[in-house]
Protein backbone atom coordinates (compact mmCIF):
# COMPACT_ATOMS: atom_id res chain seq x y z
CA UNK A 1 3.89 -3.99 114.59
CA UNK A 2 1.76 -1.29 113.17
CA UNK A 3 2.81 1.25 110.24
CA UNK A 4 0.34 4.46 109.18
CA UNK A 5 0.54 6.83 106.68
CA UNK A 6 -1.28 10.08 107.35
CA UNK A 7 -2.83 12.39 104.64
CA UNK A 8 -5.14 14.79 104.41
CA UNK A 9 -6.63 13.00 100.99
CA UNK A 10 -9.49 10.40 102.09
CA UNK A 11 -9.27 8.35 99.11
CA UNK A 12 -5.91 6.99 98.54
CA UNK A 13 -6.29 3.63 97.11
CA UNK A 14 -2.63 2.70 96.65
CA UNK A 15 0.41 4.42 97.76
CA UNK A 16 2.98 4.98 95.00
CA UNK A 17 6.60 5.40 96.01
CA UNK A 18 7.54 9.08 95.14
CA UNK A 19 10.42 11.29 96.04
CA UNK A 20 10.25 13.59 98.75
CA UNK A 21 9.11 17.16 97.72
CA UNK A 22 11.82 19.08 99.61
CA UNK A 23 15.31 16.86 99.52
CA UNK A 24 16.96 16.83 102.64
CA UNK A 25 20.79 16.61 103.27
CA UNK A 26 21.55 12.80 103.77
CA UNK A 27 24.15 11.11 105.12
CA UNK A 28 26.76 9.38 102.54
CA UNK A 29 25.00 6.31 101.73
CA UNK A 30 21.69 7.38 102.62
CA UNK A 31 20.86 9.62 99.54
CA UNK A 32 18.37 7.16 98.40
CA UNK A 33 15.97 8.45 101.23
CA UNK A 34 15.13 11.31 98.70
CA UNK A 35 14.12 9.16 96.32
CA UNK A 36 10.83 7.39 95.58
CA UNK A 37 9.68 5.79 98.45
CA UNK A 38 6.27 5.12 100.45
CA UNK A 39 7.01 6.44 104.02
CA UNK A 40 5.56 5.13 107.16
CA UNK A 41 5.25 5.53 110.95
CA UNK A 42 5.04 3.33 113.44
CA UNK A 43 2.01 3.30 116.05
CA UNK A 44 4.07 4.41 119.01
CA UNK A 45 5.35 7.71 117.06
CA UNK A 46 1.92 8.25 114.97
CA UNK A 47 1.18 11.53 117.05
CA UNK A 48 3.86 13.22 115.01
CA UNK A 49 1.41 13.22 112.25
CA UNK A 50 -1.87 14.23 114.15
CA UNK A 51 -1.38 17.93 112.50
CA UNK A 52 -2.25 19.51 109.08
CA UNK A 53 0.52 18.34 106.61
CA UNK A 54 2.29 21.59 106.23
CA UNK A 55 1.90 22.36 110.15
CA UNK A 56 5.49 23.17 111.36
CA UNK A 57 6.12 21.13 114.58
CA UNK A 58 8.63 20.25 117.24
CA UNK A 59 7.96 16.94 119.35
CA UNK A 60 10.17 16.01 122.15
CA UNK A 61 10.42 13.39 124.45
CA UNK A 62 12.46 11.68 127.31
CA UNK A 63 14.73 9.03 126.26
CA UNK A 64 16.47 6.48 128.62
CA UNK A 65 19.53 9.01 128.58
CA UNK A 66 17.65 12.19 129.30
CA UNK A 67 19.02 13.80 132.26
CA UNK A 68 16.67 15.47 134.82
CA UNK A 69 18.08 18.95 134.14
CA UNK A 70 17.05 18.42 130.51
CA UNK A 71 13.72 17.35 131.63
CA UNK A 72 13.09 20.17 133.74
CA UNK A 73 14.46 22.92 131.25
CA UNK A 74 12.61 21.43 128.31
CA UNK A 75 9.48 19.81 129.78
CA UNK A 76 8.99 21.30 133.01
CA UNK A 77 6.42 19.77 135.27
CA UNK A 78 4.27 18.21 132.58
CA UNK A 79 3.46 14.69 132.88
CA UNK A 80 3.08 13.39 129.27
CA UNK A 81 4.94 11.00 127.18
CA UNK A 82 5.27 13.70 124.20
CA UNK A 83 5.45 17.36 124.14
CA UNK A 84 4.13 19.00 120.82
CA UNK A 85 5.04 22.56 120.14
CA UNK A 86 3.34 24.69 117.11
CA UNK A 87 3.39 28.07 116.55
CA UNK A 88 0.03 30.02 117.67
CA UNK A 89 -0.62 31.04 114.27
CA UNK A 90 -1.25 27.34 113.52
CA UNK A 91 -3.87 26.64 116.04
CA UNK A 92 -7.01 27.52 114.09
CA UNK A 93 -5.89 24.98 111.18
CA UNK A 94 -5.18 22.30 113.99
CA UNK A 95 -8.57 23.04 115.41
CA UNK A 96 -10.31 22.36 112.23
CA UNK A 97 -8.30 20.07 110.07
CA UNK A 98 -9.04 16.55 109.76
CA UNK A 99 -6.71 13.66 108.32
CA UNK A 100 -6.99 10.29 107.50
CA UNK A 101 -4.75 7.49 109.00
CA UNK A 102 -3.95 4.99 106.49
CA UNK A 103 -3.02 1.34 108.01
CA UNK A 104 -0.42 -0.25 106.00
CA UNK A 105 0.84 -3.90 106.09
CA UNK A 106 4.42 -4.15 107.73
CA UNK A 107 5.53 -6.50 104.99
CA UNK A 108 7.94 -4.79 102.63
CA UNK A 109 8.78 -2.08 104.86
CA UNK A 110 12.27 -1.13 105.97
CA UNK A 111 12.98 0.29 109.65
CA UNK A 112 15.09 3.42 108.94
CA UNK A 113 16.02 3.39 112.90
CA UNK A 114 14.91 6.85 113.42
CA UNK A 115 11.81 8.19 115.14
CA UNK A 116 9.38 5.10 113.85
CA UNK A 117 10.04 5.91 110.33
CA UNK A 118 9.61 3.04 107.89
CA UNK A 119 10.00 3.04 104.26
CA UNK A 120 9.01 0.72 101.29
CA UNK A 121 10.34 1.12 97.89
CA UNK A 122 7.35 -0.74 96.29
CA UNK A 123 3.66 0.59 95.77
CA UNK A 124 1.54 -0.39 99.06
CA UNK A 125 -2.29 -0.93 99.33
CA UNK A 126 -3.47 0.33 102.48
CA UNK A 127 -5.56 -2.32 104.62
CA UNK A 128 -7.70 0.39 106.15
CA UNK A 129 -8.43 4.14 106.51
CA UNK A 130 -9.90 6.01 109.43
CA UNK A 131 -10.68 9.90 109.91
CA UNK A 132 -8.93 11.47 112.64
CA UNK A 133 -11.28 14.34 113.00
CA UNK A 134 -10.48 16.42 116.37
CA UNK A 135 -6.70 16.71 116.16
CA UNK A 136 -6.19 18.07 119.78
CA UNK A 137 -8.09 15.55 121.30
CA UNK A 138 -6.26 12.64 119.24
CA UNK A 139 -3.17 14.31 120.62
CA UNK A 140 -4.51 14.47 124.43
CA UNK A 141 -5.81 10.90 124.04
CA UNK A 142 -2.31 9.49 123.35
CA UNK A 143 -0.64 11.38 126.31
CA UNK A 144 0.82 14.13 124.12
CA UNK A 145 0.80 17.78 125.69
CA UNK A 146 -0.01 20.61 122.96
CA UNK A 147 2.07 24.03 123.78
CA UNK A 148 1.50 26.93 121.48
CA UNK A 149 4.39 28.97 120.86
CA UNK A 150 4.57 32.34 118.88
CA UNK A 151 7.72 31.04 117.63
CA UNK A 152 9.57 27.86 117.60
CA UNK A 153 12.98 29.33 117.29
CA UNK A 154 13.37 28.96 121.25
CA UNK A 155 13.62 25.28 120.73
CA UNK A 156 16.35 25.21 118.38
CA UNK A 157 18.68 24.21 121.25
CA UNK A 158 16.43 21.10 122.24
CA UNK A 159 18.69 19.19 119.73
CA UNK A 160 21.65 19.72 121.82
CA UNK A 161 19.77 18.39 124.91
CA UNK A 162 19.30 14.41 126.05
CA UNK A 163 15.73 14.58 124.84
CA UNK A 164 14.46 13.25 121.56
CA UNK A 165 13.47 15.90 119.36
CA UNK A 166 11.67 15.32 115.94
CA UNK A 167 11.09 18.63 113.88
CA UNK A 168 8.50 18.40 110.80
CA UNK A 169 7.52 20.91 108.24
CA UNK A 170 10.25 23.34 109.76
CA UNK A 171 10.71 25.46 106.85
CA UNK A 172 7.14 26.62 107.23
CA UNK A 173 8.10 27.92 110.79
CA UNK A 174 8.09 31.66 111.42
CA UNK A 175 11.78 32.67 111.03
CA UNK A 176 13.14 29.35 110.71
CA UNK A 177 16.01 29.00 108.27
């Protein structure tokens, strides 16, 4: 298994556990997820982070329990493994941004069982780092369709569907509450 951390900083020699910038409501007993941790994403889910850090985005993909009705409603005729939706206003930044993919050793990470996310409670030294330059091309290369929307608000209902939906940095989305 390969784990990664994405950053716009090209020179991270050691990832130190730190609390999240904006705490999220957590299930009872999981409040520790807002505390000091090093976050990582697995190989399959890494396209969730082929974006500028603060870019609001929703990525959706079918699961084993996805119905044909939900597939047709939310994915349409697309033949992709994931659909990534961002606001049109972010397209210029996506086109010019660069991020660095840090590969991390899997030892010491705990699986959160949620969209490929893993955490470590101790500092982690990266194994390697590489530039991911052309983000739209990187998405396309791994089978992710990019969809530009004026607003992400019409996607709020996708969480009630049988698709998996991951929303990241939605506090930066226009009109999102």
